[in-house]
C-alpha cells in the first residue's frame, strides 16, 4: 500500500512539532523541554503495544476534514478486531461511516485522518494520525504518520456493550445552533472529543477531554466554554487551533447511544477572571457553534455508570467559578 506524502517539515527546528504547537508550548514555558521529548515519543510507526491495543477495541474515535476545510469528530464501532494492523506502518479498519456522518464524504484515498483508540474502563488511550491509503466496500486502510500514547487523566471509567442497532438510521437533526436535546447533551456531558487540523501539513488529530458533569458551559447564545487542565504538554489540539480555529466536537450519550457532532470555531484563553476562578484550569477553550448534527441511537454501544477520574478531585465547577 502506498500512501501520499505527508508533510511534517513544519517541525524542523522543534522535532515533530509544528509552529502552532511550539507557540502553545512556549506560552506554557515548556518549548525547550518538548523539543527534546518529542522525537522520543512521536513515532512514524505503531509499536507492537499500540497495534495490539487497537485490535482489542470495539470503537475508534475519528477526525477528518470536509471539502470546506471544516474538521469533524466521529466514531466507528465493530467487534473487537475490526481495527487491526497488518504491519507497523498501517492500520486496517473494517467499518465505514453511516451516510449521515460527515466522515462519509471525507473518507477518500489521500485524505488526512486522526484516530483515537480509547478504552475507558481501563483508562488507556493511544493516538494515531495518518493518511487514508485505500477505501473499499468493507472499510479502509490508514498509512501511519504519527503514533503516540496519552496519559489516563480525566477519563471516566465506563465499559461498553453492543446492542441491536435500528434497522435504519433514525432521522438526524441539523441546525446552525445548539438547541433542544443537543444542548442538554452538552450541558450534562463529562466527556467530549475534539478534532482539529493543521492546513499547511494537512494533518488531522482527534483527542479526548474530560471533566465533572457540566464542565462544558453553554451560554445563552450557544457559545461553549471548557476548562483545559494539565495534560501531556504536547498541545496537539491547541496548537492546531492556533493556526486553524475551526474544530469538530463529538458528544456521546453513553446511556442511549445518541451522537452529537458540532462544527465550531475555537479560541484559547490564557488569562482572565473566568480562568482564575475555575479550579485546576490552566486555560479555557471557547467555542462558537457553526453547525450541529444530532443523530439519535447512531452508536450500537451502551455504557454503564461511570467511575469518575480521580484527577477530577483537583478540578472545579462552573457554579463555583
Protein backbone atom coordinates (compact mmCIF):
# COMPACT_ATOMS: atom_id res chain seq x y z
CA UNK A 1 0.00 0.00 0.00
CA UNK A 2 1.44 3.34 -1.00
CA UNK A 3 0.34 6.49 0.81
CA UNK A 4 0.71 10.05 -0.46
CA UNK A 5 3.40 12.23 1.07
CA UNK A 6 2.56 13.66 4.48
CA UNK A 7 4.26 16.97 5.22
CA UNK A 8 5.79 17.27 8.70
CA UNK A 9 8.60 19.69 7.93
CA UNK A 10 6.80 22.39 9.96
CA UNK A 11 8.67 20.98 12.95
CA UNK A 12 12.19 21.05 11.53
CA UNK A 13 13.64 23.14 14.39
CA UNK A 14 11.39 21.68 17.08
CA UNK A 15 11.25 17.95 16.46
CA UNK A 16 7.84 16.74 15.32
CA UNK A 17 6.05 19.89 16.48
CA UNK A 18 4.65 22.43 14.03
CA UNK A 19 4.68 26.19 14.62
CA UNK A 20 1.30 26.28 16.36
CA UNK A 21 2.26 23.55 18.80
CA UNK A 22 5.59 25.24 19.52
CA UNK A 23 3.80 28.55 20.13
CA UNK A 24 1.48 26.95 22.70
CA UNK A 25 4.42 25.13 24.33
CA UNK A 26 6.23 28.46 24.52
CA UNK A 27 3.30 30.12 26.30
CA UNK A 28 3.28 27.23 28.78
CA UNK A 29 7.06 27.52 29.29
CA UNK A 30 7.87 24.01 28.06
CA UNK A 31 9.05 24.55 24.49
CA UNK A 32 12.68 23.53 25.01
CA UNK A 33 11.68 20.51 27.08
CA UNK A 34 9.21 19.31 24.44
CA UNK A 35 11.74 19.80 21.64
CA UNK A 36 13.85 17.18 23.41
CA UNK A 37 11.00 14.84 24.31
CA UNK A 38 9.09 15.00 21.02
CA UNK A 39 11.35 12.83 18.85
CA UNK A 40 11.31 10.12 21.53
CA UNK A 41 7.52 9.87 21.92
CA UNK A 42 6.11 10.74 18.46
CA UNK A 43 6.79 7.76 16.19
CA UNK A 44 6.26 7.30 12.45
CA UNK A 45 5.02 3.74 13.06
CA UNK A 46 2.83 1.84 15.51
CA UNK A 47 4.78 -0.07 18.17
CA UNK A 48 3.53 -3.59 18.85
CA UNK A 49 1.80 -2.48 22.05
CA UNK A 50 -0.28 0.04 20.11
CA UNK A 51 -1.04 -2.46 17.35
CA UNK A 52 -2.33 -4.96 19.92
CA UNK A 53 -4.31 -2.27 21.73
CA UNK A 54 -6.20 -1.04 18.66
CA UNK A 55 -7.10 -4.63 17.76
CA UNK A 56 -8.93 -5.19 21.05
CA UNK A 57 -11.17 -2.09 20.84
CA UNK A 58 -14.90 -2.10 19.92
CA UNK A 59 -14.84 1.54 18.77
CA UNK A 60 -12.50 4.23 17.46
CA UNK A 61 -12.89 8.00 17.57
CA UNK A 62 -12.11 9.64 14.24
CA UNK A 63 -11.15 13.07 12.98
CA UNK A 64 -11.45 14.19 9.35
CA UNK A 65 -11.71 17.41 7.34
CA UNK A 66 -14.50 18.04 4.84
CA UNK A 67 -14.16 19.69 1.44
CA UNK A 68 -14.66 23.12 3.03
CA UNK A 69 -11.76 22.61 5.45
CA UNK A 70 -14.03 22.02 8.45
CA UNK A 71 -12.78 19.35 10.88
CA UNK A 72 -15.31 16.80 12.19
CA UNK A 73 -15.04 14.28 15.02
CA UNK A 74 -16.91 10.98 14.73
CA UNK A 75 -16.86 7.37 15.88
CA UNK A 76 -16.78 3.94 14.25
CA UNK A 77 -17.74 0.71 16.03
CA UNK A 78 -17.34 -3.01 15.40
CA UNK A 79 -16.48 -6.29 17.11
CA UNK A 80 -13.00 -6.45 18.62
CA UNK A 81 -10.57 -6.91 15.76
CA UNK A 82 -12.45 -4.65 13.35
CA UNK A 83 -9.35 -2.45 13.60
CA UNK A 84 -6.17 -4.41 13.03
CA UNK A 85 -2.62 -3.68 11.98
CA UNK A 86 -1.11 -5.81 9.17
CA UNK A 87 2.26 -4.16 9.77
CA UNK A 88 3.66 -1.35 11.90
CA UNK A 89 3.03 1.27 9.20
CA UNK A 90 -0.65 0.55 8.54
CA UNK A 91 -3.97 0.16 10.32
CA UNK A 92 -6.92 -1.55 8.63
CA UNK A 93 -10.44 -0.65 9.80
CA UNK A 94 -13.29 -2.93 8.73
CA UNK A 95 -16.08 -0.40 9.19
CA UNK A 96 -17.47 2.55 7.28
CA UNK A 97 -19.32 5.68 8.45
CA UNK A 98 -23.09 5.88 8.05
CA UNK A 99 -24.39 8.17 5.31
CA UNK A 100 -25.43 10.85 7.82
CA UNK A 101 -21.91 11.13 9.21
CA UNK A 102 -19.80 14.00 7.72
CA UNK A 103 -16.96 11.49 7.60
CA UNK A 104 -18.72 9.57 4.81
CA UNK A 105 -17.98 12.21 2.18
CA UNK A 106 -14.48 12.97 3.52
CA UNK A 107 -13.21 9.37 3.59
CA UNK A 108 -11.22 9.32 0.35
CA UNK A 109 -7.79 7.96 -0.59
CA UNK A 110 -5.17 10.55 0.24
CA UNK A 111 -7.27 12.27 2.92
CA UNK A 112 -5.67 13.03 6.27
CA UNK A 113 -7.27 11.32 9.26
CA UNK A 114 -6.81 11.30 13.02
CA UNK A 115 -7.67 8.25 15.13
CA UNK A 116 -8.03 7.89 18.88
CA UNK A 117 -8.04 4.43 20.38
CA UNK A 118 -9.51 4.72 23.87
CA UNK A 119 -10.57 2.05 26.36
CA UNK A 120 -12.49 3.99 29.02
CA UNK A 121 -12.83 1.18 31.57
CA UNK A 122 -9.02 0.78 31.73
CA UNK A 123 -8.33 4.46 31.01
CA UNK A 124 -5.89 3.60 28.24
CA UNK A 125 -5.63 5.68 25.09
CA UNK A 126 -3.35 5.97 22.08
CA UNK A 127 -3.43 8.37 19.14
CA UNK A 128 -2.57 7.67 15.53
CA UNK A 129 -2.58 10.27 12.78
CA UNK A 130 -2.10 9.36 9.15
CA UNK A 131 -3.43 9.27 5.62
CA UNK A 132 -6.23 7.16 4.14
CA UNK A 133 -4.46 4.66 1.92
CA UNK A 134 -7.40 2.86 0.33
CA UNK A 135 -11.17 2.57 0.70
CA UNK A 136 -13.32 -0.39 -0.32
CA UNK A 137 -16.77 -1.83 0.38
CA UNK A 138 -15.73 -3.26 3.77
CA UNK A 139 -13.70 -0.40 5.19
CA UNK A 140 -10.43 1.43 4.71
CA UNK A 141 -6.71 1.39 5.48
CA UNK A 142 -4.61 4.15 7.03
CA UNK A 143 -0.91 4.74 6.49
CA UNK A 144 0.65 5.75 9.80
CA UNK A 145 2.42 9.10 10.06
CA UNK A 146 2.32 9.78 13.81
CA UNK A 147 1.71 7.32 16.67
CA UNK A 148 1.89 8.22 20.34
CA UNK A 149 0.41 7.42 23.72
CA UNK A 150 -1.57 9.62 26.10
CA UNK A 151 -1.89 9.72 29.86
CA UNK A 152 -5.07 8.39 31.58
CA UNK A 153 -6.05 11.72 33.16
CA UNK A 154 -9.71 12.81 33.16
CA UNK A 155 -11.07 9.61 31.56
CA UNK A 156 -14.28 8.44 33.25
CA UNK A 157 -14.15 4.64 33.55
CA UNK A 158 -17.12 3.02 31.77
CA UNK A 159 -17.30 -0.25 29.84
CA UNK A 160 -19.28 -0.62 26.58
CA UNK A 161 -21.57 -3.44 25.43
CA UNK A 162 -23.11 -3.90 21.98
CA UNK A 163 -26.86 -3.59 21.47
CA UNK A 164 -29.08 -4.15 18.45
CA UNK A 165 -28.95 -1.07 16.25
CA UNK A 166 -32.07 0.29 14.49
CA UNK A 167 -32.61 -1.34 11.10
CA UNK A 168 -32.43 2.10 9.50
CA UNK A 169 -30.87 5.37 10.56
CA UNK A 170 -33.25 7.46 12.63
CA UNK A 171 -33.80 10.98 11.31
CA UNK A 172 -30.92 13.29 12.17
CA UNK A 173 -31.46 16.86 13.27
CA UNK A 174 -29.28 19.52 11.67
CA UNK A 175 -29.15 23.08 12.92
CA UNK A 176 -26.99 26.18 12.76
CA UNK A 177 -27.16 26.46 16.55
CA UNK A 178 -27.24 24.36 19.69
CA UNK A 179 -30.78 23.62 20.84
CA UNK A 180 -33.12 21.07 22.39
CA UNK A 181 -31.74 17.62 23.14
CA UNK A 182 -28.38 18.58 21.64
CA UNK A 183 -27.98 21.38 24.16
CA UNK A 184 -28.98 19.10 27.03
CA UNK A 185 -26.35 16.55 25.96
CA UNK A 186 -23.61 19.17 26.16
CA UNK A 187 -24.79 20.57 29.48
CA UNK A 188 -24.74 17.09 31.09
CA UNK A 189 -21.52 15.82 29.49
CA UNK A 190 -18.46 14.64 31.41
CA UNK A 191 -16.59 13.83 28.18
CA UNK A 192 -16.18 15.13 24.66
CA UNK A 193 -13.81 14.53 21.76
CA UNK A 194 -12.28 17.26 19.61
CA UNK A 195 -10.88 17.04 16.07
CA UNK A 196 -8.50 19.71 14.81
CA UNK A 197 -6.32 20.19 11.76
CA UNK A 198 -3.21 21.95 10.51
CA UNK A 199 -3.88 23.26 6.98
CA UNK A 200 -0.24 23.53 5.90
CA UNK A 201 0.79 20.00 6.91
CA UNK A 202 -2.67 18.61 6.08
CA UNK A 203 -2.53 16.66 9.35
CA UNK A 204 -5.62 15.87 11.44
CA UNK A 205 -5.74 14.98 15.11
CA UNK A 206 -8.55 13.92 17.45
CA UNK A 207 -8.32 13.93 21.23
CA UNK A 208 -10.28 13.43 24.45
CA UNK A 209 -11.45 15.97 27.02
CA UNK A 210 -12.99 15.07 30.36
CA UNK A 211 -14.26 16.83 33.48
CA UNK A 212 -17.03 16.84 36.03
CA UNK A 213 -20.56 16.62 34.55
CA UNK A 214 -21.36 20.10 33.25
CA UNK A 215 -17.71 21.07 32.70
CA UNK A 216 -18.69 22.47 29.30
CA UNK A 217 -20.61 25.68 29.96
CA UNK A 218 -23.28 26.68 27.45
CA UNK A 219 -24.00 30.40 27.16
CA UNK A 220 -27.40 31.81 26.23
CA UNK A 221 -26.22 32.28 22.64
CA UNK A 222 -24.91 28.70 22.47
CA UNK A 223 -21.22 29.56 22.87
CA UNK A 224 -19.31 26.81 24.69
CA UNK A 225 -16.53 27.26 27.23
CA UNK A 226 -14.49 24.35 28.59
CA UNK A 227 -11.56 24.31 31.01
CA UNK A 228 -8.27 22.93 29.77
CA UNK A 229 -6.48 21.00 32.51
CA UNK A 230 -2.87 19.90 32.92
CA UNK A 231 -2.01 17.30 30.28
CA UNK A 232 0.95 15.85 28.43
CA UNK A 233 2.11 19.29 27.22
CA UNK A 234 2.09 18.21 23.56
CA UNK A 235 -0.56 20.84 22.70
CA UNK A 236 -1.58 18.98 19.53
CA UNK A 237 -5.16 20.26 19.71
CA UNK A 238 -4.45 23.79 20.92
CA UNK A 239 -1.51 24.08 18.54
CA UNK A 240 -3.76 23.24 15.61
CA UNK A 241 -6.36 25.74 16.81
CA UNK A 242 -3.65 28.42 16.95
CA UNK A 243 -3.26 28.16 13.16
CA UNK A 244 -6.76 26.91 12.20
CA UNK A 245 -9.51 27.91 14.65
CA UNK A 246 -12.13 25.57 13.21
CA UNK A 247 -12.62 22.30 15.08
CA UNK A 248 -15.10 19.46 15.35
CA UNK A 249 -16.64 18.19 18.60
CA UNK A 250 -18.24 14.83 19.37
CA UNK A 251 -20.51 14.26 22.36
CA UNK A 252 -21.78 10.76 23.14
CA UNK A 253 -24.89 9.90 25.16
CA UNK A 254 -23.38 6.82 26.78
CA UNK A 255 -26.73 5.51 28.06
CA UNK A 256 -28.74 5.79 24.84
CA UNK A 257 -26.18 5.79 22.02
CA UNK A 258 -27.08 9.25 20.70
CA UNK A 259 -24.31 11.20 18.95
CA UNK A 260 -23.88 14.94 18.66
CA UNK A 261 -21.36 16.30 16.16
CA UNK A 262 -20.61 20.01 16.25
CA UNK A 263 -18.61 22.23 13.92
CA UNK A 264 -17.11 25.07 15.96
CA UNK A 265 -14.73 27.99 15.77
CA UNK A 266 -12.43 27.95 18.78
CA UNK A 267 -10.03 30.21 20.64
CA UNK A 268 -7.73 29.60 23.60
CA UNK A 269 -7.88 31.95 26.59
CA UNK A 270 -4.71 32.08 28.69
CA UNK A 271 -5.80 34.62 31.31
CA UNK A 272 -8.76 36.50 32.74
CA UNK A 273 -11.06 36.26 35.78
CA UNK A 274 -13.00 33.29 34.42
CA UNK A 275 -9.84 31.24 34.17
CA UNK A 276 -8.56 32.33 37.56
CA UNK A 277 -11.83 31.34 39.24
CA UNK A 278 -12.02 27.80 37.80
CA UNK A 279 -10.03 25.43 40.00
CA UNK A 280 -7.47 23.36 38.09
CA UNK A 281 -7.96 25.11 34.74
CA UNK A 282 -4.75 26.22 33.05
CA UNK A 283 -6.51 27.65 30.02
CA UNK A 284 -10.04 27.99 28.70
CA UNK A 285 -11.27 26.81 25.32
CA UNK A 286 -14.09 28.99 23.99
CA UNK A 287 -16.04 27.66 21.03
CA UNK A 288 -18.68 29.25 18.81
CA UNK A 289 -21.04 26.68 17.29
CA UNK A 290 -21.20 26.88 13.49
CA UNK A 291 -23.44 23.85 12.94
CA UNK A 292 -24.94 20.96 14.88
CA UNK A 293 -25.75 17.40 13.81
CA UNK A 294 -27.75 15.33 16.33
CA UNK A 295 -28.02 11.61 15.45
CA UNK A 296 -30.26 9.57 17.79
CA UNK A 297 -29.25 5.96 18.54
CA UNK A 298 -26.48 6.17 15.95
CA UNK A 299 -23.98 4.17 18.03
CA UNK A 300 -24.65 0.45 18.75
CA UNK A 301 -22.89 0.65 22.12
CA UNK A 302 -24.14 1.41 25.61
CA UNK A 303 -22.10 2.10 28.72
CA UNK A 304 -22.95 1.55 32.37
CA UNK A 305 -22.48 4.03 35.19
CA UNK A 306 -19.17 5.88 35.08
CA UNK A 307 -16.45 5.79 37.69
CA UNK A 308 -15.15 9.39 37.66
CA UNK A 309 -11.47 10.01 37.14
CA UNK A 310 -9.60 10.55 40.44
CA UNK A 311 -7.97 13.59 38.86
CA UNK A 312 -11.33 15.41 38.92
CA UNK A 313 -10.89 15.98 42.67
CA UNK A 314 -8.45 18.78 41.85
CA UNK A 315 -10.83 20.49 39.40
CA UNK A 316 -13.69 22.89 39.94
CA UNK A 317 -17.19 23.56 38.68
CA UNK A 318 -18.68 26.49 36.79
CA UNK A 319 -21.16 27.04 39.64
CA UNK A 320 -18.21 27.63 41.99
CA UNK A 321 -16.30 29.72 39.44
